[in-house]
Amino acid sequence: MPTVAEMIVEALVQVGVKRVYGVAGDSLNSIVDVLRRLIAEGPLP
């Protein structure tokens, strides 16, 4: 079962978001972790 962070990042990728700006920390850590995993897997579509 995907996490909320994974669903958010998946939706961002699907709509074509190329950059995400923000201050990483507490509430955004899970989203940043998902983004790091995707980037490590290779280029995003």
C-alpha atoms as a PDB file:
ATOM      1  CA  MET A   1       0.000   0.000   0.000  1.00  0.00           C
ATOM      2  CA  PRO A   2       1.553   3.335  -1.039  1.00  0.00           C
ATOM      3  CA  THR A   3       2.170   6.068   1.481  1.00  0.00           C
ATOM      4  CA  VAL A   4       0.557   9.498   1.207  1.00  0.00           C
ATOM      5  CA  ALA A   5       3.937  10.931   0.202  1.00  0.00           C
ATOM      6  CA  GLU A   6       4.248   8.376  -2.614  1.00  0.00           C
ATOM      7  CA  MET A   7       0.753   9.230  -3.867  1.00  0.00           C
ATOM      8  CA  ILE A   8       1.526  12.964  -3.802  1.00  0.00           C
ATOM      9  CA  VAL A   9       4.788  12.506  -5.710  1.00  0.00           C
ATOM     10  CA  GLU A  10       3.108  10.171  -8.211  1.00  0.00           C
ATOM     11  CA  ALA A  11       0.428  12.798  -8.869  1.00  0.00           C
ATOM     12  CA  LEU A  12       3.076  15.498  -9.334  1.00  0.00           C
ATOM     13  CA  VAL A  13       4.956  13.328 -11.839  1.00  0.00           C
ATOM     14  CA  GLN A  14       1.742  12.504 -13.727  1.00  0.00           C
ATOM     15  CA  VAL A  15       0.872  16.177 -14.227  1.00  0.00           C
ATOM     16  CA  GLY A  16       4.390  16.959 -15.405  1.00  0.00           C
ATOM     17  CA  VAL A  17       5.866  18.848 -12.462  1.00  0.00           C
ATOM     18  CA  LYS A  18       9.617  19.236 -13.068  1.00  0.00           C
ATOM     19  CA  ARG A  19      10.692  21.198  -9.966  1.00  0.00           C
ATOM     20  CA  VAL A  20       9.544  21.311  -6.375  1.00  0.00           C
ATOM     21  CA  TYR A  21      10.578  24.217  -4.171  1.00  0.00           C
ATOM     22  CA  GLY A  22      10.354  24.240  -0.418  1.00  0.00           C
ATOM     23  CA  VAL A  23      12.267  24.041   2.808  1.00  0.00           C
ATOM     24  CA  ALA A  24      12.947  20.423   3.581  1.00  0.00           C
ATOM     25  CA  GLY A  25      12.230  19.484   7.132  1.00  0.00           C
ATOM     26  CA  ASP A  26       9.796  17.876   9.509  1.00  0.00           C
ATOM     27  CA  SER A  27       6.548  17.775   7.507  1.00  0.00           C
ATOM     28  CA  LEU A  28       8.215  17.404   4.084  1.00  0.00           C
ATOM     29  CA  ASN A  29      10.768  14.719   4.971  1.00  0.00           C
ATOM     30  CA  SER A  30       8.662  11.863   3.647  1.00  0.00           C
ATOM     31  CA  ILE A  31       8.091  13.631   0.312  1.00  0.00           C
ATOM     32  CA  VAL A  32      11.794  14.455  -0.006  1.00  0.00           C
ATOM     33  CA  ASP A  33      12.648  10.799   0.698  1.00  0.00           C
ATOM     34  CA  VAL A  34      10.292   9.602  -2.060  1.00  0.00           C
ATOM     35  CA  LEU A  35      11.761  12.149  -4.492  1.00  0.00           C
ATOM     36  CA  ARG A  36      15.305  11.012  -3.632  1.00  0.00           C
ATOM     37  CA  ARG A  37      14.350   7.367  -4.241  1.00  0.00           C
ATOM     38  CA  LEU A  38      12.820   8.192  -7.626  1.00  0.00           C
ATOM     39  CA  ILE A  39      15.828  10.234  -8.693  1.00  0.00           C
ATOM     40  CA  ALA A  40      18.175   7.426  -7.632  1.00  0.00           C
ATOM     41  CA  GLU A  41      16.215   4.988  -9.833  1.00  0.00           C
ATOM     42  CA  GLY A  42      16.898   7.095 -12.923  1.00  0.00           C
ATOM     43  CA  PRO A  43      15.502  10.018 -14.859  1.00  0.00           C
ATOM     44  CA  LEU A  44      11.879  10.863 -14.224  1.00  0.00           C
ATOM     45  CA  PRO A  45       9.551  10.619 -17.227  1.00  0.00           C
END
